[in-house]
Amino acid sequence: MFTGIIESFGTIKRIESKGEGKVLHIGCDLDLSESKIGDSIAVNGACLTAVSLEKNIFKVDMAPETVERTTFKRLRPGSRVNIERALKLSDRVDGHLVSGHIDGTGIIASIKRNSNAVNIKVNVPLKLGAEMIEKGSVAIEGVSLTINKCSDKDFDVSIIPHTADITTIGLKRVGDEVNIETDMIGKYVKKILMGSFSKNDALPKGQKGISIGLLARNGFL
């Protein structure tokens, strides 16, 4: 479990291919002395398992599913990545609860400066757009951000200079692909509701209450 508060830049030192999977060698400026093999480390928002640890370099395996679902297929030696170690239960949750399981990718549609902030619009597939709400949380490349506005096809966020300076978000350009994880709690609520009703279902005759159809007709879904 993570918070979306990035601890360090990392740099891809080496990439090995293992069939359709990959092995990444990643350098960072974190003190890894308290980490151990088997620990979870989020790289650009994806939860990966450390299989080797040196002073400031760790190695992770990526299954074919991870490569296919994320932007990792485009990484090259020298690429910069966001690094966050797993949350301790005693820590403050300064961002939001992030699982490190990437739901898909989006494309940066626009980047506009607004006073001391930068507004970023990201185009996403309909499946991801349906899991977002205004003022809800989203993780982009592992960075916890608040959604300003959203539709089924895109969403807007604002970043402050500090976030731009310490994460790869500040290095992004229009057209770049980014990893997206939608809010965990929203996904569970959606699953519970969708498991109870089909989208067009009404409640059984004579029964009062809320159905998926009622929520959809009134703009909640």
Protein backbone atom coordinates (compact mmCIF):
# COMPACT_ATOMS: atom_id res chain seq x y z
CA MET A 1 0.00 0.00 0.00
CA PHE A 2 1.24 3.48 -0.89
CA THR A 3 0.20 7.12 -0.46
CA GLY A 4 1.12 8.69 -3.80
CA ILE A 5 3.69 10.96 -2.12
CA ILE A 6 6.86 10.43 -4.15
CA GLU A 7 10.09 9.96 -2.19
CA SER A 8 12.69 10.10 -4.91
CA PHE A 9 13.53 10.27 -8.58
CA GLY A 10 14.94 7.04 -9.92
CA THR A 11 16.90 6.37 -13.10
CA ILE A 12 16.65 3.22 -15.21
CA LYS A 13 20.19 1.84 -15.34
CA ARG A 14 19.56 -1.34 -17.28
CA ILE A 15 16.66 -3.29 -18.79
CA GLU A 16 16.71 -7.05 -19.33
CA SER A 17 14.09 -8.89 -21.36
CA LYS A 18 12.58 -12.10 -20.02
CA GLY A 19 10.27 -13.25 -22.79
CA GLU A 20 7.44 -10.72 -22.70
CA GLY A 21 8.43 -9.64 -19.19
CA LYS A 22 11.29 -7.37 -18.13
CA VAL A 23 13.83 -6.90 -15.35
CA LEU A 24 14.62 -3.31 -14.38
CA HIS A 25 17.79 -2.14 -12.65
CA ILE A 26 16.94 1.19 -11.00
CA GLY A 27 19.22 3.68 -9.31
CA CYS A 28 17.90 6.16 -6.74
CA ASP A 29 19.11 8.46 -3.98
CA LEU A 30 17.14 6.70 -1.25
CA ASP A 31 18.88 4.93 1.62
CA LEU A 32 17.87 1.33 0.98
CA SER A 33 19.61 -0.05 4.08
CA GLU A 34 16.26 -0.66 5.81
CA SER A 35 14.76 -2.31 2.73
CA LYS A 36 15.01 -6.02 2.03
CA ILE A 37 14.47 -8.42 -0.83
CA GLY A 38 10.75 -9.00 -1.25
CA ASP A 39 9.76 -5.45 -0.28
CA SER A 40 7.23 -3.61 -2.43
CA ILE A 41 8.43 -0.45 -4.18
CA ALA A 42 6.22 1.67 -6.42
CA VAL A 43 7.88 2.67 -9.69
CA ASN A 44 5.84 5.23 -11.64
CA GLY A 45 2.89 4.08 -9.56
CA ALA A 46 3.25 0.35 -10.21
CA CYS A 47 3.83 -1.87 -7.20
CA LEU A 48 6.91 -4.00 -7.94
CA THR A 49 8.87 -6.44 -5.78
CA ALA A 50 12.55 -5.85 -5.08
CA VAL A 51 14.47 -8.99 -6.03
CA SER A 52 17.95 -7.51 -5.51
CA LEU A 53 19.21 -4.59 -3.39
CA GLU A 54 22.54 -2.79 -3.39
CA LYS A 55 23.53 0.57 -1.91
CA ASN A 56 21.42 2.82 -4.13
CA ILE A 57 20.33 0.36 -6.81
CA PHE A 58 17.51 -2.15 -6.73
CA LYS A 59 16.24 -4.67 -9.25
CA VAL A 60 12.61 -5.61 -9.93
CA ASP A 61 10.88 -8.18 -12.12
CA MET A 62 7.92 -7.18 -14.27
CA ALA A 63 5.41 -9.77 -15.44
CA PRO A 64 4.07 -9.50 -19.02
CA GLU A 65 0.74 -8.22 -17.63
CA THR A 66 2.52 -5.28 -15.97
CA VAL A 67 4.44 -4.43 -19.13
CA GLU A 68 1.29 -4.56 -21.26
CA ARG A 69 -0.90 -2.49 -18.92
CA THR A 70 1.61 0.28 -18.15
CA THR A 71 3.97 2.72 -19.85
CA PHE A 72 6.94 0.50 -18.95
CA LYS A 73 7.14 -0.88 -22.47
CA ARG A 74 8.48 2.56 -23.47
CA LEU A 75 11.16 2.87 -20.78
CA ARG A 76 14.77 3.10 -21.88
CA PRO A 77 18.08 3.22 -19.96
CA GLY A 78 18.31 6.77 -18.61
CA SER A 79 14.53 7.19 -18.23
CA ARG A 80 13.53 8.99 -15.02
CA VAL A 81 10.92 7.34 -12.79
CA ASN A 82 9.04 8.14 -9.57
CA ILE A 83 9.93 6.02 -6.53
CA GLU A 84 7.89 5.41 -3.38
CA ARG A 85 8.47 2.72 -0.79
CA ALA A 86 5.51 0.96 0.83
CA LEU A 87 3.49 2.76 3.50
CA LYS A 88 4.21 1.99 7.16
CA LEU A 89 1.05 1.61 9.24
CA SER A 90 2.40 4.26 11.65
CA ASP A 91 2.84 6.85 8.85
CA ARG A 92 0.58 9.78 8.09
CA VAL A 93 -1.38 9.30 4.86
CA ASP A 94 -0.62 12.65 3.21
CA GLY A 95 -1.90 11.64 -0.23
CA HIS A 96 -4.54 8.92 -0.57
CA LEU A 97 -4.58 5.13 -0.39
CA VAL A 98 -2.82 3.86 -3.52
CA SER A 99 -2.57 0.13 -4.23
CA GLY A 100 0.13 0.35 -6.89
CA HIS A 101 -2.03 -1.66 -9.30
CA ILE A 102 -2.20 0.35 -12.53
CA ASP A 103 -5.68 0.41 -14.09
CA GLY A 104 -4.53 1.64 -17.49
CA THR A 105 -2.85 4.56 -19.20
CA GLY A 106 -3.86 8.03 -20.32
CA ILE A 107 -2.46 10.60 -22.78
CA ILE A 108 -1.60 14.15 -21.74
CA ALA A 109 -3.86 16.38 -23.86
CA SER A 110 -2.81 19.82 -22.63
CA ILE A 111 -0.50 21.56 -20.15
CA LYS A 112 -1.34 25.16 -19.19
CA ARG A 113 0.22 27.42 -16.57
CA ASN A 114 -2.20 29.16 -14.19
CA SER A 115 -0.42 31.53 -11.75
CA ASN A 116 1.81 29.31 -9.61
CA ALA A 117 0.13 26.07 -10.72
CA VAL A 118 0.15 24.00 -13.89
CA ASN A 119 -3.14 22.57 -15.12
CA ILE A 120 -2.89 19.24 -16.90
CA LYS A 121 -5.65 17.56 -18.90
CA VAL A 122 -5.38 13.81 -19.46
CA ASN A 123 -7.41 11.81 -21.96
CA VAL A 124 -8.42 8.37 -20.67
CA PRO A 125 -10.42 5.35 -21.88
CA LEU A 126 -14.13 5.34 -20.98
CA LYS A 127 -13.55 2.57 -18.41
CA LEU A 128 -11.24 4.81 -16.38
CA GLY A 129 -13.30 7.95 -16.82
CA ALA A 130 -16.32 6.17 -15.34
CA GLU A 131 -14.34 5.61 -12.11
CA MET A 132 -13.55 9.29 -11.48
CA ILE A 133 -15.40 12.10 -9.72
CA GLU A 134 -14.69 15.81 -9.33
CA LYS A 135 -12.55 16.48 -6.25
CA GLY A 136 -11.82 12.78 -6.01
CA SER A 137 -8.31 11.30 -6.03
CA VAL A 138 -6.26 9.83 -8.85
CA ALA A 139 -2.66 8.65 -9.11
CA ILE A 140 -0.72 9.71 -12.22
CA GLU A 141 2.66 7.98 -12.51
CA GLY A 142 2.19 7.17 -8.82
CA VAL A 143 1.62 10.82 -7.81
CA SER A 144 -1.49 11.45 -5.69
CA LEU A 145 -3.52 14.29 -7.22
CA THR A 146 -6.98 15.80 -6.84
CA ILE A 147 -9.30 15.83 -9.85
CA ASN A 148 -10.51 19.35 -10.67
CA LYS A 149 -12.96 18.40 -13.43
CA CYS A 150 -13.70 15.18 -15.25
CA SER A 151 -15.81 13.57 -17.93
CA ASP A 152 -15.99 10.03 -19.23
CA LYS A 153 -13.12 10.82 -21.62
CA ASP A 154 -10.75 13.10 -19.70
CA PHE A 155 -9.91 14.78 -16.41
CA ASP A 156 -8.01 17.86 -15.21
CA VAL A 157 -5.55 18.17 -12.32
CA SER A 158 -3.33 20.99 -11.02
CA ILE A 159 0.23 20.60 -9.82
CA ILE A 160 2.26 23.07 -7.79
CA PRO A 161 5.94 23.85 -8.52
CA HIS A 162 7.12 21.56 -5.69
CA THR A 163 5.35 18.56 -7.26
CA ALA A 164 6.75 19.43 -10.69
CA ASP A 165 10.27 19.67 -9.24
CA ILE A 166 10.36 16.37 -7.36
CA THR A 167 8.39 14.08 -9.70
CA THR A 168 8.42 13.13 -13.37
CA ILE A 169 5.11 14.99 -13.84
CA GLY A 170 7.20 18.14 -14.34
CA LEU A 171 9.05 16.46 -17.22
CA LYS A 172 5.95 15.44 -19.15
CA ARG A 173 4.89 16.92 -22.49
CA VAL A 174 1.66 16.95 -24.47
CA GLY A 175 1.20 13.54 -26.09
CA ASP A 176 3.08 11.62 -23.39
CA GLU A 177 1.49 8.44 -22.06
CA VAL A 178 1.12 8.13 -18.27
CA ASN A 179 0.16 5.40 -15.81
CA ILE A 180 -3.24 5.86 -14.15
CA GLU A 181 -4.67 4.34 -10.97
CA THR A 182 -8.20 5.41 -10.10
CA ASP A 183 -9.43 5.71 -6.53
CA MET A 184 -9.55 2.37 -4.75
CA ILE A 185 -12.62 3.13 -2.64
CA GLY A 186 -14.62 4.24 -5.69
CA LYS A 187 -13.83 0.98 -7.46
CA TYR A 188 -15.11 -1.09 -4.54
CA VAL A 189 -18.33 0.93 -4.35
CA LYS A 190 -18.84 0.55 -8.10
CA LYS A 191 -18.24 -3.21 -7.92
CA ILE A 192 -20.75 -3.64 -5.09
CA LEU A 193 -23.42 -1.67 -6.93
CA MET A 194 -22.81 -3.29 -10.30
CA GLY A 195 -22.86 -6.71 -8.69
CA SER A 196 -26.30 -6.06 -7.25
CA PHE A 197 -28.01 -4.70 -10.38
CA SER A 198 -27.49 -4.53 -14.10
CA LYS A 199 -27.25 -0.95 -15.36
CA ASN A 200 -30.80 -0.91 -16.74
CA ASP A 201 -32.39 -2.90 -13.94
CA ALA A 202 -35.14 -1.51 -11.78
CA LEU A 203 -35.93 -2.85 -8.34
CA PRO A 204 -38.39 -5.73 -8.04
CA LYS A 205 -42.04 -4.65 -8.28
CA GLY A 206 -43.29 -3.09 -5.06
CA GLN A 207 -39.80 -2.73 -3.56
CA LYS A 208 -38.55 0.76 -2.74
CA GLY A 209 -34.92 1.82 -2.77
CA ILE A 210 -32.03 2.79 -5.04
CA SER A 211 -31.09 0.90 -8.19
CA ILE A 212 -28.22 1.34 -10.66
CA GLY A 213 -30.78 2.52 -13.22
CA LEU A 214 -32.03 5.24 -10.86
CA LEU A 215 -28.48 6.43 -10.09
CA ALA A 216 -27.57 6.49 -13.80
CA ARG A 217 -30.71 8.43 -14.79
CA ASN A 218 -29.92 11.11 -12.21
CA GLY A 219 -26.28 11.55 -13.21
CA PHE A 220 -24.55 9.71 -10.39
CA LEU A 221 -22.99 7.08 -12.70
